[in-house]
Amino acid sequence: MRRVMTLKVDMGFDGAGGAALVDLEELLATRLLVQGNSGSGKSHLLRRLLEKSAGQVQQVIIDPEGDFVTLSGPYGHVSVEAIDYSIGEIAHFARRCREHRTSVVLSLEGLEMEGQMRCAAAFLSGLFDAPREHWFPALVVVDEAQIFAPAAGAEVSEEVRRASLGAMTNLMSRGRKRGLAGIIATQRLAKLSKNVAAEASNFLMGRTFLDIDMARAADLLGMERRQAESIRDLARGTFLGLGPAIARRPVMLRIGPVETSARSSSPVLVPLPDAPAPDMREFLLAGLDEAPLPPPAPTPRPQPATLVLEELARMPIAPVAEEPLEPVEPEPIMVAALRAIGSDEEATGKTTAVLFQDFQVRCRMHGLRQAPLDLASFTRRLAAARAGIFEGLEDEWAPALEAGRRVPDDMLGAFLLIARAASEGRPCPSDQELALVYGTSSLGRARRVLSYMEERDIIVARTDLSGRRSITIPALGWTTSPTEP
């Protein structure tokens, strides 16, 4: 029988002062997601993990800022500056890394975002497509993963975005069978693709301040929404960990010291120069009164065709009498567009920003040249549409919208669904209906939405002895009929 090697990586200290250990063999099989705002110690955590596991497993690091190239000295990593190579050479380099089981750092420093995404996609694809005989275990660390797997459209071409996102998805979902264990780190969970984040089974969550990121972090850690506030109070270098390679219940980890450091570091205060002000003034202004030599006259070059066309486009054109367009009533067009979005099954998983673009396109197709709503107004209209309310927002549903101002935008649809049921005397919405409007398949999240609103006296829920639930909205005086358990 083949003996299985087990290695525990010492990450520092747990909440009780004992050693915080990570099972490396389990980590290779289950992947890791690290999240923390800038300054939370996220890169320090990755460096500790890499240093303590160096020599035990091959390490492959995709480094957007060039911070991990310092591992090449004491730990023997091969550092490669991607800016010096072509895409084909990067893919070939990745295949050679797998063949020779060499620990490497691919530095993407100096590349624009599109270049970084294109390079990372080629490199990950090269790792992924290596021959079966080279499928040795390897940790693949991707820092700033939200760059390479964005949750929404990035400011790059669609082709590059798809290639980068596809490579990251392959790493996290199918890489295990090829020996690739993805370790991804991000500053913002909300900016990271959910399909990529969902493939991780181990989580280390550091300090974060935005509500949406705290809620997602708490959800991944299995914590109640009201417990998410504790993530905001974490000290620098302290993380909440959960997963088969870390612990079966959330534990606190304080990351220990590291031996190497990044080329870039946090700003520190240094003494200002003590030179007298008059002397410094003379130094700064020295030579400015000398007239600079005129630059040599450039050699005339023919104008590109694009500039000629742009110049022609700017020339005034004689006005042409046009028949005035018939005025278009925006409200029916907006209602039709919202109904179309509401009936689209794929719309549930899309972000509000993406749906807003879809809404604008649909309105223009029906004759509205300018967007009738801004993003904030569209968010509220979308929430009402998901609750089945498309018209009457300025009159009959105005009190409900006013009462819903105390509810976060992502919960407004669930609140209006309850208000609609109460107004029409229908049974209280089920957890499944609330989850659908909230944009999730988790019944636990739907219940947490109700708990959030009830804790703030926005609603009052009552369940009788037979298990039937009814909900009252005190601000409106509306109550739903009891629903079946």
Protein backbone atom coordinates (compact mmCIF):
# COMPACT_ATOMS: atom_id res chain seq x y z
CA MET A 1 0.00 0.00 0.00
CA ARG A 2 1.32 3.43 -0.96
CA ARG A 3 2.09 5.56 2.06
CA VAL A 4 0.29 8.94 1.97
CA MET A 5 2.37 11.88 3.11
CA THR A 6 0.64 14.32 5.40
CA LEU A 7 2.13 17.78 5.98
CA LYS A 8 0.80 20.46 8.29
CA VAL A 9 1.69 24.03 7.35
CA ASP A 10 2.21 26.31 10.34
CA MET A 11 0.37 29.56 9.61
CA GLY A 12 0.82 31.19 13.02
CA PHE A 13 -1.52 31.09 16.01
CA ASP A 14 -5.19 30.33 16.54
CA GLY A 15 -7.57 32.23 18.83
CA ALA A 16 -6.48 30.19 21.86
CA GLY A 17 -2.77 30.81 21.29
CA GLY A 18 -2.05 27.37 19.85
CA ALA A 19 -0.52 26.60 16.48
CA ALA A 20 -2.72 27.37 13.47
CA LEU A 21 -2.13 24.47 11.08
CA VAL A 22 -3.29 23.93 7.50
CA ASP A 23 -3.37 20.41 6.08
CA LEU A 24 -1.40 20.70 2.83
CA GLU A 25 -2.62 17.40 1.38
CA GLU A 26 -6.26 18.39 2.03
CA LEU A 27 -5.58 21.85 0.60
CA LEU A 28 -4.36 20.29 -2.65
CA ALA A 29 -7.72 18.53 -2.98
CA THR A 30 -10.10 21.28 -1.89
CA ARG A 31 -8.68 24.71 -2.96
CA LEU A 32 -8.58 27.99 -0.99
CA LEU A 33 -10.16 31.45 -1.21
CA VAL A 34 -8.54 34.37 0.66
CA GLN A 35 -10.38 37.68 0.98
CA GLY A 36 -9.40 40.92 2.65
CA ASN A 37 -9.33 44.65 1.97
CA SER A 38 -6.08 46.37 1.11
CA GLY A 39 -3.92 46.42 4.23
CA SER A 40 -5.61 43.42 5.86
CA GLY A 41 -2.52 41.21 5.51
CA LYS A 42 -3.73 39.13 2.56
CA SER A 43 -0.38 39.09 0.73
CA HIS A 44 1.40 38.43 4.02
CA LEU A 45 -0.80 35.35 4.51
CA LEU A 46 0.02 34.04 1.01
CA ARG A 47 3.73 34.61 1.60
CA ARG A 48 3.61 32.69 4.91
CA LEU A 49 1.82 29.79 3.24
CA LEU A 50 4.32 29.72 0.36
CA GLU A 51 7.38 29.93 2.60
CA LYS A 52 6.22 27.20 4.97
CA SER A 53 5.27 24.80 2.16
CA ALA A 54 8.28 25.52 -0.08
CA GLY A 55 10.22 22.38 -0.86
CA GLN A 56 7.21 20.18 -0.10
CA VAL A 57 5.13 20.91 -3.21
CA GLN A 58 5.57 22.75 -6.50
CA GLN A 59 4.39 26.37 -6.30
CA VAL A 60 3.18 28.44 -9.25
CA ILE A 61 2.39 32.11 -8.54
CA ILE A 62 0.63 34.58 -10.83
CA ASP A 63 1.76 37.93 -9.44
CA PRO A 64 0.12 41.10 -10.87
CA GLU A 65 2.35 43.51 -8.89
CA GLY A 66 5.66 41.61 -8.86
CA ASP A 67 5.62 41.34 -5.06
CA PHE A 68 6.49 37.62 -4.84
CA VAL A 69 9.61 37.64 -7.02
CA THR A 70 11.64 37.92 -3.80
CA LEU A 71 10.93 34.21 -3.21
CA SER A 72 13.43 33.44 -5.97
CA GLY A 73 16.41 34.09 -3.68
CA PRO A 74 16.08 31.99 -0.53
CA TYR A 75 13.54 29.50 -1.89
CA GLY A 76 14.77 29.02 -5.44
CA HIS A 77 11.66 30.09 -7.36
CA VAL A 78 12.24 30.95 -11.01
CA SER A 79 11.05 34.52 -11.58
CA VAL A 80 9.85 35.49 -15.06
CA GLU A 81 8.85 39.00 -16.16
CA ALA A 82 5.94 38.40 -18.56
CA ILE A 83 6.44 41.73 -20.32
CA ASP A 84 9.60 40.33 -21.97
CA TYR A 85 7.86 37.38 -23.67
CA SER A 86 5.13 36.64 -26.22
CA ILE A 87 1.88 34.83 -25.46
CA GLY A 88 3.12 31.67 -27.19
CA GLU A 89 6.32 31.71 -25.14
CA ILE A 90 4.35 32.13 -21.91
CA ALA A 91 2.19 29.07 -22.73
CA HIS A 92 5.32 27.05 -23.58
CA PHE A 93 6.93 28.20 -20.32
CA ALA A 94 3.87 26.94 -18.39
CA ARG A 95 4.12 23.48 -19.97
CA ARG A 96 7.83 23.27 -19.14
CA CYS A 97 7.06 24.24 -15.52
CA ARG A 98 4.75 21.25 -15.18
CA GLU A 99 7.20 18.91 -16.87
CA HIS A 100 10.13 19.81 -14.59
CA ARG A 101 8.05 20.51 -11.40
CA THR A 102 9.74 23.88 -10.95
CA SER A 103 8.36 26.51 -8.60
CA VAL A 104 7.90 29.76 -10.52
CA VAL A 105 6.69 33.34 -10.13
CA LEU A 106 5.07 34.88 -13.21
CA SER A 107 5.33 38.64 -12.68
CA LEU A 108 2.80 40.65 -14.67
CA GLU A 109 4.14 44.00 -13.47
CA GLY A 110 4.32 46.58 -16.23
CA LEU A 111 1.41 45.17 -18.23
CA GLU A 112 -1.94 46.90 -18.64
CA MET A 113 -5.03 45.08 -17.37
CA GLU A 114 -5.85 43.54 -20.74
CA GLY A 115 -2.28 42.35 -21.15
CA GLN A 116 -2.31 40.83 -17.65
CA MET A 117 -5.56 38.98 -18.35
CA ARG A 118 -4.36 37.75 -21.74
CA CYS A 119 -1.05 36.55 -20.26
CA ALA A 120 -2.67 34.85 -17.25
CA ALA A 121 -5.16 33.06 -19.52
CA ALA A 122 -2.36 31.69 -21.72
CA PHE A 123 -0.27 30.65 -18.73
CA LEU A 124 -3.15 28.89 -16.91
CA SER A 125 -4.21 27.17 -20.12
CA GLY A 126 -0.63 25.95 -20.57
CA LEU A 127 -0.66 24.49 -17.06
CA PHE A 128 -4.08 22.96 -17.60
CA ASP A 129 -3.32 21.39 -20.99
CA ALA A 130 -0.07 19.70 -19.95
CA PRO A 131 0.21 15.97 -20.84
CA ARG A 132 -1.21 13.50 -18.33
CA GLU A 133 2.24 12.21 -17.39
CA HIS A 134 3.05 15.71 -16.07
CA TRP A 135 0.02 16.04 -13.78
CA PHE A 136 2.07 16.45 -10.60
CA PRO A 137 0.60 18.23 -7.53
CA ALA A 138 1.09 21.99 -7.56
CA LEU A 139 -0.21 25.01 -5.66
CA VAL A 140 -1.36 27.66 -8.14
CA VAL A 141 -1.58 31.01 -6.33
CA VAL A 142 -3.40 33.86 -8.09
CA ASP A 143 -3.18 37.20 -6.29
CA GLU A 144 -5.77 39.92 -7.05
CA ALA A 145 -8.01 37.24 -8.59
CA GLN A 146 -10.82 39.75 -9.27
CA ILE A 147 -8.70 41.04 -12.18
CA PHE A 148 -8.69 37.67 -13.92
CA ALA A 149 -12.20 36.49 -12.95
CA PRO A 150 -14.34 39.64 -12.78
CA ALA A 151 -17.95 39.38 -11.62
CA ALA A 152 -19.07 41.92 -14.23
CA GLY A 153 -17.77 43.17 -17.55
CA ALA A 154 -14.26 44.58 -17.27
CA GLU A 155 -12.86 47.43 -19.37
CA VAL A 156 -11.26 44.98 -21.79
CA SER A 157 -12.38 43.23 -24.95
CA GLU A 158 -14.98 40.50 -24.57
CA GLU A 159 -12.60 37.96 -26.09
CA VAL A 160 -9.93 38.59 -23.45
CA ARG A 161 -12.46 38.61 -20.61
CA ARG A 162 -13.92 35.27 -21.66
CA ALA A 163 -10.48 33.68 -22.08
CA SER A 164 -9.28 34.84 -18.65
CA LEU A 165 -12.52 33.92 -16.87
CA GLY A 166 -12.59 30.52 -18.59
CA ALA A 167 -9.01 29.75 -17.54
CA MET A 168 -9.75 30.70 -13.92
CA THR A 169 -12.92 28.61 -13.92
CA ASN A 170 -11.01 25.61 -15.26
CA LEU A 171 -8.37 26.03 -12.57
CA MET A 172 -10.90 26.08 -9.74
CA SER A 173 -13.43 23.55 -11.04
CA ARG A 174 -11.40 21.03 -13.05
CA GLY A 175 -7.83 21.63 -11.94
CA ARG A 176 -7.89 19.10 -9.06
CA LYS A 177 -7.85 16.08 -11.37
CA ARG A 178 -4.76 17.54 -13.05
CA GLY A 179 -2.99 18.13 -9.76
CA LEU A 180 -3.60 21.91 -9.78
CA ALA A 181 -4.80 23.33 -6.46
CA GLY A 182 -6.10 26.88 -6.92
CA ILE A 183 -5.39 29.42 -4.17
CA ILE A 184 -7.02 32.71 -5.11
CA ALA A 185 -6.89 35.98 -3.20
CA THR A 186 -9.09 39.03 -3.71
CA GLN A 187 -9.75 42.40 -2.12
CA ARG A 188 -13.47 42.37 -2.98
CA LEU A 189 -15.67 39.26 -3.02
CA ALA A 190 -18.33 41.31 -4.80
CA LYS A 191 -15.94 41.87 -7.74
CA LEU A 192 -14.97 38.18 -8.02
CA SER A 193 -16.97 35.82 -10.23
CA LYS A 194 -19.30 33.71 -8.11
CA ASN A 195 -18.67 30.66 -10.29
CA VAL A 196 -14.96 30.85 -9.48
CA ALA A 197 -15.38 31.62 -5.76
CA ALA A 198 -17.95 28.84 -5.28
CA GLU A 199 -15.42 26.14 -6.22
CA ALA A 200 -13.27 26.78 -3.13
CA SER A 201 -13.92 24.66 -0.04
CA ASN A 202 -11.51 26.48 2.29
CA PHE A 203 -11.85 30.13 3.23
CA LEU A 204 -9.68 32.67 5.03
CA MET A 205 -11.57 35.93 5.48
CA GLY A 206 -9.75 39.07 6.61
CA ARG A 207 -10.87 42.57 7.48
CA THR A 208 -13.41 44.12 5.14
CA PHE A 209 -15.71 47.10 5.51
CA LEU A 210 -18.35 47.07 2.77
CA ASP A 211 -21.67 45.48 3.73
CA ILE A 212 -21.99 43.41 0.55
CA ASP A 213 -18.52 41.88 1.05
CA MET A 214 -19.14 41.22 4.74
CA ALA A 215 -22.44 39.52 3.93
CA ARG A 216 -20.84 37.26 1.31
CA ALA A 217 -17.92 36.44 3.59
CA ALA A 218 -20.26 35.57 6.47
CA ASP A 219 -22.35 33.44 4.16
CA LEU A 220 -19.30 31.47 3.01
CA LEU A 221 -18.25 30.99 6.63
CA GLY A 222 -21.74 29.84 7.61
CA MET A 223 -22.26 32.81 9.95
CA GLU A 224 -25.50 34.67 10.57
CA ARG A 225 -25.85 38.07 8.93
CA ARG A 226 -25.72 39.87 12.28
CA GLN A 227 -22.39 38.15 13.00
CA ALA A 228 -20.90 39.62 9.82
CA GLU A 229 -20.10 42.85 11.69
CA SER A 230 -17.24 41.03 13.46
CA ILE A 231 -15.37 40.78 10.14
CA ARG A 232 -15.06 44.58 10.13
CA ASP A 233 -13.26 44.48 13.49
CA LEU A 234 -10.53 41.98 12.57
CA ALA A 235 -7.00 43.22 13.17
CA ARG A 236 -4.45 43.33 10.39
CA GLY A 237 -3.00 39.86 9.85
CA THR A 238 -5.97 38.15 11.52
CA PHE A 239 -8.32 35.95 9.51
CA LEU A 240 -11.39 33.80 10.06
CA GLY A 241 -10.80 30.34 8.62
CA LEU A 242 -13.08 27.47 7.67
CA GLY A 243 -12.74 24.37 5.54
CA PRO A 244 -11.55 20.75 5.54
CA ALA A 245 -7.91 21.84 5.37
CA ILE A 246 -8.31 24.37 8.21
CA ALA A 247 -11.16 23.56 10.64
CA ARG A 248 -14.70 22.23 10.59
CA ARG A 249 -15.98 25.31 12.41
CA PRO A 250 -14.90 28.95 11.92
CA VAL A 251 -11.64 29.65 13.76
CA MET A 252 -9.51 32.75 14.15
CA LEU A 253 -5.94 32.70 12.78
CA ARG A 254 -3.19 35.22 13.47
CA ILE A 255 -0.63 34.90 10.70
CA GLY A 256 2.95 34.51 11.86
CA PRO A 257 6.07 36.32 10.59
CA VAL A 258 7.67 35.76 7.19
CA GLU A 259 11.29 35.65 6.10
CA THR A 260 11.00 37.49 2.78
CA SER A 261 9.31 40.77 1.96
CA ALA A 262 7.66 42.33 -1.06
CA ARG A 263 9.51 44.75 -3.32
CA SER A 264 6.73 47.26 -2.57
CA SER A 265 5.68 48.00 0.98
CA SER A 266 3.20 50.12 2.90
CA PRO A 267 4.04 53.84 3.10
CA VAL A 268 5.99 54.86 6.22
CA LEU A 269 6.69 58.31 7.60
CA VAL A 270 10.25 59.59 7.10
CA PRO A 271 11.75 62.86 8.37
CA LEU A 272 11.44 65.85 6.07
CA PRO A 273 14.67 67.50 4.85
CA ASP A 274 15.98 70.14 7.22
CA ALA A 275 17.45 72.40 4.53
CA PRO A 276 16.59 76.10 5.05
CA ALA A 277 13.63 77.25 3.01
CA PRO A 278 15.51 80.01 1.07
CA ASP A 279 18.22 77.53 0.01
CA MET A 280 15.64 75.01 -1.13
CA ARG A 281 13.78 77.71 -3.05
CA GLU A 282 16.94 78.63 -4.94
CA PHE A 283 17.60 74.96 -5.64
CA LEU A 284 14.08 74.31 -6.99
CA LEU A 285 14.03 77.43 -9.17
CA ALA A 286 17.60 77.15 -10.47
CA GLY A 287 17.80 77.23 -14.26
CA LEU A 288 14.12 77.94 -14.83
CA ASP A 289 14.83 81.45 -16.14
CA GLU A 290 16.93 80.07 -18.96
CA ALA A 291 14.97 79.93 -22.20
CA PRO A 292 14.76 76.36 -23.46
CA LEU A 293 15.95 75.60 -26.95
CA PRO A 294 13.11 75.34 -29.46
CA PRO A 295 12.39 71.75 -30.47
CA PRO A 296 13.41 70.78 -34.01
CA ALA A 297 10.69 71.12 -36.59
CA PRO A 298 9.07 67.73 -37.17
CA THR A 299 9.21 66.20 -40.61
CA PRO A 300 5.81 66.53 -42.26
CA ARG A 301 4.00 63.20 -42.38
CA PRO A 302 0.80 62.34 -44.17
CA GLN A 303 -2.27 62.33 -41.97
CA PRO A 304 -3.79 58.92 -41.25
CA ALA A 305 -7.11 58.26 -42.94
CA THR A 306 -8.88 58.10 -39.58
CA LEU A 307 -7.87 61.68 -38.72
CA VAL A 308 -9.07 62.90 -42.10
CA LEU A 309 -12.44 61.24 -41.60
CA GLU A 310 -12.73 62.72 -38.09
CA GLU A 311 -11.96 66.20 -39.45
CA LEU A 312 -14.61 65.79 -42.14
CA ALA A 313 -17.08 64.67 -39.50
CA ARG A 314 -16.48 67.89 -37.52
CA MET A 315 -17.19 70.13 -40.49
CA PRO A 316 -20.55 71.91 -40.34
CA ILE A 317 -23.30 70.36 -42.41
CA ALA A 318 -26.07 72.36 -43.98
CA PRO A 319 -29.25 71.77 -41.99
CA VAL A 320 -31.79 69.51 -43.57
CA ALA A 321 -35.43 69.94 -42.78
CA GLU A 322 -36.68 66.87 -40.97
CA GLU A 323 -40.14 65.94 -39.99
CA PRO A 324 -40.50 66.09 -36.22
CA LEU A 325 -40.62 62.71 -34.54
CA GLU A 326 -43.82 61.77 -32.83
CA PRO A 327 -43.45 61.90 -29.06
CA VAL A 328 -43.07 58.49 -27.42
CA GLU A 329 -44.69 57.72 -24.08
CA PRO A 330 -41.87 56.23 -21.95
CA GLU A 331 -43.93 54.46 -19.25
CA PRO A 332 -45.44 51.65 -21.41
CA ILE A 333 -42.03 50.99 -22.97
CA MET A 334 -40.37 50.78 -19.54
CA VAL A 335 -43.06 48.41 -18.28
CA ALA A 336 -42.65 46.18 -21.34
CA ALA A 337 -38.85 46.12 -20.89
CA LEU A 338 -39.17 45.28 -17.17
CA ARG A 339 -41.65 42.50 -17.93
CA ALA A 340 -39.26 41.04 -20.51
CA ILE A 341 -36.38 41.12 -18.02
CA GLY A 342 -38.57 39.59 -15.31
CA SER A 343 -39.56 36.69 -17.57
CA ASP A 344 -35.94 35.95 -18.52
CA GLU A 345 -34.75 32.99 -16.43
CA GLU A 346 -31.10 33.97 -16.88
CA ALA A 347 -31.71 37.46 -15.46
CA THR A 348 -31.72 36.12 -11.88
CA GLY A 349 -27.99 35.49 -11.89
CA LYS A 350 -27.02 38.80 -13.52
CA THR A 351 -25.91 41.92 -11.68
CA THR A 352 -28.06 45.04 -11.57
CA ALA A 353 -25.53 46.93 -13.71
CA VAL A 354 -25.78 44.32 -16.48
CA LEU A 355 -29.58 44.30 -16.33
CA PHE A 356 -29.57 48.12 -16.50
CA GLN A 357 -27.68 47.94 -19.79
CA ASP A 358 -30.19 45.36 -21.05
CA PHE A 359 -33.01 47.69 -19.99
CA GLN A 360 -31.51 50.64 -21.87
CA VAL A 361 -31.09 48.59 -25.04
CA ARG A 362 -34.70 47.38 -24.90
CA CYS A 363 -35.95 50.95 -24.42
CA ARG A 364 -33.91 52.25 -27.38
CA MET A 365 -35.25 49.44 -29.57
CA HIS A 366 -38.75 50.75 -28.89
CA GLY A 367 -37.97 54.36 -29.75
CA LEU A 368 -36.65 55.92 -26.50
CA ARG A 369 -33.43 57.64 -27.48
CA GLN A 370 -32.43 58.59 -23.94
CA ALA A 371 -32.50 56.38 -20.86
CA PRO A 372 -35.71 57.18 -18.95
CA LEU A 373 -34.17 56.10 -15.61
CA ASP A 374 -30.81 56.38 -13.91
CA LEU A 375 -29.21 53.36 -12.23
CA ALA A 376 -30.61 54.14 -8.75
CA SER A 377 -34.18 54.56 -10.03
CA PHE A 378 -33.85 51.44 -12.17
CA THR A 379 -32.74 49.44 -9.13
CA ARG A 380 -35.99 50.28 -7.32
CA ARG A 381 -38.11 49.66 -10.41
CA LEU A 382 -36.40 46.30 -10.89
CA ALA A 383 -37.08 45.35 -7.28
CA ALA A 384 -40.76 46.24 -7.74
CA ALA A 385 -40.88 44.28 -11.01
CA ARG A 386 -39.49 41.19 -9.31
CA ALA A 387 -42.31 41.52 -6.79
CA GLY A 388 -44.83 41.67 -9.66
CA ILE A 389 -45.39 45.44 -9.43
CA PHE A 390 -44.95 47.17 -12.79
CA GLU A 391 -47.31 50.15 -12.64
CA GLY A 392 -48.73 52.56 -10.08
CA LEU A 393 -45.46 53.24 -8.31
CA GLU A 394 -46.26 56.97 -8.11
CA ASP A 395 -49.74 56.54 -6.60
CA GLU A 396 -51.12 53.30 -5.15
CA TRP A 397 -47.72 51.77 -4.38
CA ALA A 398 -46.06 55.01 -3.25
CA PRO A 399 -46.70 54.28 0.49
CA ALA A 400 -45.09 50.85 0.14
CA LEU A 401 -42.04 52.32 -1.58
CA GLU A 402 -41.79 54.98 1.11
CA ALA A 403 -41.94 52.31 3.83
CA GLY A 404 -39.28 50.34 1.96
CA ARG A 405 -36.71 53.14 2.12
CA ARG A 406 -35.42 51.59 5.36
CA VAL A 407 -34.65 48.36 3.50
CA PRO A 408 -31.35 47.82 1.59
CA ASP A 409 -31.74 47.82 -2.18
CA ASP A 410 -31.06 44.10 -2.49
CA MET A 411 -33.92 43.33 -0.04
CA LEU A 412 -36.45 45.77 -1.48
CA GLY A 413 -37.92 43.17 -3.85
CA ALA A 414 -38.62 40.79 -0.96
CA PHE A 415 -40.23 43.59 1.06
CA LEU A 416 -42.47 44.63 -1.84
CA LEU A 417 -43.47 41.00 -2.44
CA ILE A 418 -44.71 40.86 1.16
CA ALA A 419 -46.41 44.27 0.79
CA ARG A 420 -48.18 43.16 -2.38
CA ALA A 421 -49.44 39.97 -0.75
CA ALA A 422 -50.69 41.97 2.26
CA SER A 423 -52.34 44.62 0.08
CA GLU A 424 -54.18 42.01 -1.98
CA GLY A 425 -55.11 39.85 1.02
CA ARG A 426 -53.14 36.87 -0.27
CA PRO A 427 -51.17 34.34 1.83
CA CYS A 428 -47.71 35.26 3.10
CA PRO A 429 -44.99 34.49 0.51
CA SER A 430 -43.08 31.27 1.10
CA ASP A 431 -39.34 31.08 1.70
CA GLN A 432 -38.90 29.79 -1.86
CA GLU A 433 -40.72 32.83 -3.31
CA LEU A 434 -38.69 35.24 -1.17
CA ALA A 435 -35.43 33.52 -2.18
CA LEU A 436 -36.32 33.81 -5.87
CA VAL A 437 -37.02 37.54 -5.58
CA TYR A 438 -33.84 38.00 -3.51
CA GLY A 439 -31.87 36.35 -6.31
CA THR A 440 -30.72 33.19 -4.53
CA SER A 441 -31.62 29.53 -4.22
CA SER A 442 -30.74 29.42 -0.51
CA LEU A 443 -33.74 29.28 1.82
CA GLY A 444 -31.43 30.24 4.67
CA ARG A 445 -30.70 33.58 3.00
CA ALA A 446 -34.41 34.18 2.55
CA ARG A 447 -34.98 33.60 6.26
CA ARG A 448 -32.10 35.94 7.10
CA VAL A 449 -33.80 38.64 5.00
CA LEU A 450 -36.94 38.27 7.14
CA SER A 451 -34.84 38.31 10.33
CA TYR A 452 -33.08 41.49 9.21
CA MET A 453 -36.36 43.31 8.56
CA GLU A 454 -37.97 42.02 11.75
CA GLU A 455 -35.02 43.09 13.93
CA ARG A 456 -35.49 46.65 12.62
CA ASP A 457 -39.28 46.63 13.19
CA ILE A 458 -39.94 46.93 9.47
CA ILE A 459 -42.15 43.84 9.60
CA VAL A 460 -43.70 41.69 12.32
CA ALA A 461 -43.88 37.97 11.59
CA ARG A 462 -46.29 35.68 13.44
CA THR A 463 -46.41 31.89 13.28
CA ASP A 464 -49.40 30.16 14.93
CA LEU A 465 -49.36 26.76 16.61
CA SER A 466 -50.21 25.00 13.36
CA GLY A 467 -47.10 26.50 11.69
CA ARG A 468 -48.93 29.01 9.48
CA ARG A 469 -47.05 32.28 9.04
CA SER A 470 -48.44 35.77 8.54
CA ILE A 471 -46.55 39.06 8.28
CA THR A 472 -47.64 42.58 9.23
CA ILE A 473 -46.07 45.82 7.96
CA PRO A 474 -46.69 48.27 10.86
CA ALA A 475 -45.90 51.39 8.83
CA LEU A 476 -48.70 50.52 6.39
CA GLY A 477 -51.07 48.63 8.65
CA TRP A 478 -51.15 45.77 6.12
CA THR A 479 -51.14 42.08 7.07
CA THR A 480 -50.89 39.01 4.85
CA SER A 481 -53.20 36.05 5.18
CA PRO A 482 -51.68 33.03 6.96
CA THR A 483 -49.84 30.63 4.70
CA GLU A 484 -49.61 26.90 4.95
CA PRO A 485 -46.53 25.56 6.80
